Amino acid sequence: MGVLYALVSSVVRNFTALFGKAFAGLLLFSFSGEDQFTHNPFVVLIVGVFLVSLPLQVYLINASLVVKDLLYHIPNFYVFWNVGNIVSGVVFYDETKNFTGTSWAVFHWGVSLLFLGVWFTNCAMP
C-alpha cells in the first residue's frame, strides 16, 4: 500500500510539473501579444489539471506518510517522480533530441543508480 501511495503521489506531482510548464508557456505567449486563453481549446484543461493537482499531491503525500514511514516514502516518491519527469520531458518536450550514444549510456547508468540506491534503502529497512 505504501508503494502505491508513493507512486500515485509522484504521478500527480508529474502532472503538476508538466501542466505547470504548459501553463507558464501559455502565460508567456499571452504576454508576448498572442491571446492563448481565448484561441486555445486546451486552456481550460491545462489550467484545471494544474490547479487540481496542486492540493491533491499534498493530500496524497500526507496519506502516504500515514501508511508508511518517512524513510520509506521519500526515496520511493523521489525515484518515481524523477522517472516520471524524465519520461514526460522526453515525450512532450523532446528533451533527448541531441543525445549521443555516450549521453544515452550515461543517462541509463544514472537512472540505474537511482533505482539501485532506492532498492538498497528499502532493503535496509526492517
C-alpha atoms as a PDB file:
ATOM      1  CA  MET A   1       0.000   0.000   0.000  1.00  0.00           C
ATOM      2  CA  GLY A   2       2.892   2.365   0.727  1.00  0.00           C
ATOM      3  CA  VAL A   3       4.382   1.892  -2.733  1.00  0.00           C
ATOM      4  CA  LEU A   4       1.013   2.611  -4.300  1.00  0.00           C
ATOM      5  CA  TYR A   5       0.660   5.891  -2.401  1.00  0.00           C
ATOM      6  CA  ALA A   6       4.220   6.893  -3.311  1.00  0.00           C
ATOM      7  CA  LEU A   7       3.601   6.005  -6.965  1.00  0.00           C
ATOM      8  CA  VAL A   8       0.265   7.825  -7.218  1.00  0.00           C
ATOM      9  CA  SER A   9       1.537  10.919  -5.410  1.00  0.00           C
ATOM     10  CA  SER A  10       4.563  11.063  -7.710  1.00  0.00           C
ATOM     11  CA  VAL A  11       2.336  10.720 -10.793  1.00  0.00           C
ATOM     12  CA  VAL A  12       0.205  13.612  -9.558  1.00  0.00           C
ATOM     13  CA  ARG A  13       3.413  15.583  -8.942  1.00  0.00           C
ATOM     14  CA  ASN A  14       4.467  14.824 -12.525  1.00  0.00           C
ATOM     15  CA  PHE A  15       1.138  16.222 -13.749  1.00  0.00           C
ATOM     16  CA  THR A  16       1.748  19.324 -11.656  1.00  0.00           C
ATOM     17  CA  ALA A  17       5.179  19.836 -13.209  1.00  0.00           C
ATOM     18  CA  LEU A  18       4.020  19.072 -16.750  1.00  0.00           C
ATOM     19  CA  PHE A  19       0.879  21.182 -16.701  1.00  0.00           C
ATOM     20  CA  GLY A  20       2.630  23.911 -14.719  1.00  0.00           C
ATOM     21  CA  LYS A  21       5.166  24.211 -17.519  1.00  0.00           C
ATOM     22  CA  ALA A  22       2.361  24.275 -20.090  1.00  0.00           C
ATOM     23  CA  PHE A  23       0.527  26.943 -18.079  1.00  0.00           C
ATOM     24  CA  ALA A  24       3.716  29.012 -17.869  1.00  0.00           C
ATOM     25  CA  GLY A  25       4.069  28.708 -21.651  1.00  0.00           C
ATOM     26  CA  LEU A  26       0.514  29.937 -22.103  1.00  0.00           C
ATOM     27  CA  LEU A  27       1.221  32.926 -19.882  1.00  0.00           C
ATOM     28  CA  LEU A  28       4.448  33.658 -21.752  1.00  0.00           C
ATOM     29  CA  PHE A  29       2.688  33.619 -25.121  1.00  0.00           C
ATOM     30  CA  SER A  30      -0.108  35.796 -23.742  1.00  0.00           C
ATOM     31  CA  PHE A  31       2.362  38.439 -22.581  1.00  0.00           C
ATOM     32  CA  SER A  32       4.052  38.411 -25.990  1.00  0.00           C
ATOM     33  CA  GLY A  33       0.848  39.533 -27.698  1.00  0.00           C
ATOM     34  CA  GLU A  34      -0.772  36.203 -28.639  1.00  0.00           C
ATOM     35  CA  ASP A  35      -4.029  35.599 -26.802  1.00  0.00           C
ATOM     36  CA  GLN A  36      -3.743  31.912 -25.948  1.00  0.00           C
ATOM     37  CA  PHE A  37      -6.572  31.967 -23.438  1.00  0.00           C
ATOM     38  CA  THR A  38      -9.324  32.587 -25.983  1.00  0.00           C
ATOM     39  CA  HIS A  39      -7.909  30.796 -29.049  1.00  0.00           C
ATOM     40  CA  ASN A  40      -6.568  27.595 -27.468  1.00  0.00           C
ATOM     41  CA  PRO A  41      -9.249  24.979 -26.666  1.00  0.00           C
ATOM     42  CA  PHE A  42      -6.982  23.161 -24.190  1.00  0.00           C
ATOM     43  CA  VAL A  43      -6.538  26.125 -21.854  1.00  0.00           C
ATOM     44  CA  VAL A  44      -9.337  25.051 -19.518  1.00  0.00           C
ATOM     45  CA  LEU A  45      -7.919  21.518 -19.351  1.00  0.00           C
ATOM     46  CA  ILE A  46      -4.354  22.689 -18.724  1.00  0.00           C
ATOM     47  CA  VAL A  47      -5.296  25.198 -16.034  1.00  0.00           C
ATOM     48  CA  GLY A  48      -7.833  22.816 -14.459  1.00  0.00           C
ATOM     49  CA  VAL A  49      -5.432  19.883 -14.161  1.00  0.00           C
ATOM     50  CA  PHE A  50      -2.728  22.175 -12.806  1.00  0.00           C
ATOM     51  CA  LEU A  51      -4.997  23.677 -10.143  1.00  0.00           C
ATOM     52  CA  VAL A  52      -6.440  20.307  -9.086  1.00  0.00           C
ATOM     53  CA  SER A  53      -3.039  18.616  -8.906  1.00  0.00           C
ATOM     54  CA  LEU A  54      -1.552  21.203  -6.526  1.00  0.00           C
ATOM     55  CA  PRO A  55      -3.588  20.304  -3.411  1.00  0.00           C
ATOM     56  CA  LEU A  56      -4.034  16.678  -4.488  1.00  0.00           C
ATOM     57  CA  GLN A  57      -0.306  15.970  -4.406  1.00  0.00           C
ATOM     58  CA  VAL A  58      -0.052  17.318  -0.841  1.00  0.00           C
ATOM     59  CA  TYR A  59      -3.010  15.183   0.233  1.00  0.00           C
ATOM     60  CA  LEU A  60      -1.531  12.032  -1.327  1.00  0.00           C
ATOM     61  CA  ILE A  61       1.887  12.635   0.211  1.00  0.00           C
ATOM     62  CA  ASN A  62       0.259  13.022   3.625  1.00  0.00           C
ATOM     63  CA  ALA A  63      -1.783   9.848   3.065  1.00  0.00           C
ATOM     64  CA  SER A  64       1.416   8.005   2.160  1.00  0.00           C
ATOM     65  CA  LEU A  65       3.145   9.243   5.298  1.00  0.00           C
ATOM     66  CA  VAL A  66       0.249   7.934   7.420  1.00  0.00           C
ATOM     67  CA  VAL A  67       0.643   4.449   5.971  1.00  0.00           C
ATOM     68  CA  LYS A  68       4.459   4.189   5.771  1.00  0.00           C
ATOM     69  CA  ASP A  69       7.479   5.731   7.411  1.00  0.00           C
ATOM     70  CA  LEU A  70       9.147   8.880   6.073  1.00  0.00           C
ATOM     71  CA  LEU A  71      12.307   6.926   5.216  1.00  0.00           C
ATOM     72  CA  TYR A  72      10.219   4.667   3.002  1.00  0.00           C
ATOM     73  CA  HIS A  73       8.067   7.285   1.289  1.00  0.00           C
ATOM     74  CA  ILE A  74      10.668   9.917   0.372  1.00  0.00           C
ATOM     75  CA  PRO A  75      13.103   7.679  -1.584  1.00  0.00           C
ATOM     76  CA  ASN A  76      10.314   5.846  -3.420  1.00  0.00           C
ATOM     77  CA  PHE A  77       8.456   9.067  -4.186  1.00  0.00           C
ATOM     78  CA  TYR A  78      11.703  10.643  -5.390  1.00  0.00           C
ATOM     79  CA  VAL A  79      12.602   7.830  -7.802  1.00  0.00           C
ATOM     80  CA  PHE A  80       9.085   7.605  -9.266  1.00  0.00           C
ATOM     81  CA  TRP A  81       8.903  11.392  -9.543  1.00  0.00           C
ATOM     82  CA  ASN A  82      12.276  11.644 -11.327  1.00  0.00           C
ATOM     83  CA  VAL A  83      11.496   8.861 -13.772  1.00  0.00           C
ATOM     84  CA  GLY A  84       8.059  10.344 -14.478  1.00  0.00           C
ATOM     85  CA  ASN A  85       9.519  13.792 -15.110  1.00  0.00           C
ATOM     86  CA  ILE A  86      12.135  12.293 -17.413  1.00  0.00           C
ATOM     87  CA  VAL A  87       9.513  10.384 -19.401  1.00  0.00           C
ATOM     88  CA  SER A  88       7.185  13.385 -19.664  1.00  0.00           C
ATOM     89  CA  GLY A  89      10.104  15.593 -20.729  1.00  0.00           C
ATOM     90  CA  VAL A  90      11.060  13.097 -23.422  1.00  0.00           C
ATOM     91  CA  VAL A  91       7.501  12.626 -24.678  1.00  0.00           C
ATOM     92  CA  PHE A  92       6.175  16.186 -24.539  1.00  0.00           C
ATOM     93  CA  TYR A  93       9.259  18.399 -24.855  1.00  0.00           C
ATOM     94  CA  ASP A  94      11.699  16.170 -26.833  1.00  0.00           C
ATOM     95  CA  GLU A  95      14.494  16.837 -24.346  1.00  0.00           C
ATOM     96  CA  THR A  96      16.679  13.996 -25.628  1.00  0.00           C
ATOM     97  CA  LYS A  97      16.837  15.016 -29.283  1.00  0.00           C
ATOM     98  CA  ASN A  98      20.540  15.954 -29.044  1.00  0.00           C
ATOM     99  CA  PHE A  99      21.654  12.839 -27.126  1.00  0.00           C
ATOM    100  CA  THR A 100      24.638  10.932 -28.445  1.00  0.00           C
ATOM    101  CA  GLY A 101      25.450   7.316 -27.717  1.00  0.00           C
ATOM    102  CA  THR A 102      27.597   8.351 -24.761  1.00  0.00           C
ATOM    103  CA  SER A 103      24.792  10.560 -23.440  1.00  0.00           C
ATOM    104  CA  TRP A 104      22.337   7.659 -23.578  1.00  0.00           C
ATOM    105  CA  ALA A 105      24.793   5.329 -21.827  1.00  0.00           C
ATOM    106  CA  VAL A 106      25.436   7.811 -19.021  1.00  0.00           C
ATOM    107  CA  PHE A 107      21.704   8.536 -18.772  1.00  0.00           C
ATOM    108  CA  HIS A 108      20.822   4.860 -18.356  1.00  0.00           C
ATOM    109  CA  TRP A 109      23.665   4.437 -15.867  1.00  0.00           C
ATOM    110  CA  GLY A 110      22.322   7.344 -13.790  1.00  0.00           C
ATOM    111  CA  VAL A 111      18.741   6.040 -13.798  1.00  0.00           C
ATOM    112  CA  SER A 112      20.014   2.585 -12.825  1.00  0.00           C
ATOM    113  CA  LEU A 113      21.957   4.099  -9.920  1.00  0.00           C
ATOM    114  CA  LEU A 114      18.809   5.931  -8.836  1.00  0.00           C
ATOM    115  CA  PHE A 115      16.810   2.685  -8.709  1.00  0.00           C
ATOM    116  CA  LEU A 116      19.672   0.789  -7.090  1.00  0.00           C
ATOM    117  CA  GLY A 117      20.024   3.370  -4.324  1.00  0.00           C
ATOM    118  CA  VAL A 118      16.326   3.258  -3.509  1.00  0.00           C
ATOM    119  CA  TRP A 119      16.358  -0.537  -3.615  1.00  0.00           C
ATOM    120  CA  PHE A 120      19.231  -0.604  -1.093  1.00  0.00           C
ATOM    121  CA  THR A 121      17.337   1.872   1.083  1.00  0.00           C
ATOM    122  CA  ASN A 122      14.224  -0.324   1.031  1.00  0.00           C
ATOM    123  CA  CYS A 123      16.241  -3.470   1.772  1.00  0.00           C
ATOM    124  CA  ALA A 124      17.943  -1.827   4.755  1.00  0.00           C
ATOM    125  CA  MET A 125      14.604  -1.017   6.395  1.00  0.00           C
ATOM    126  CA  PRO A 126      13.292  -3.601   8.882  1.00  0.00           C
END
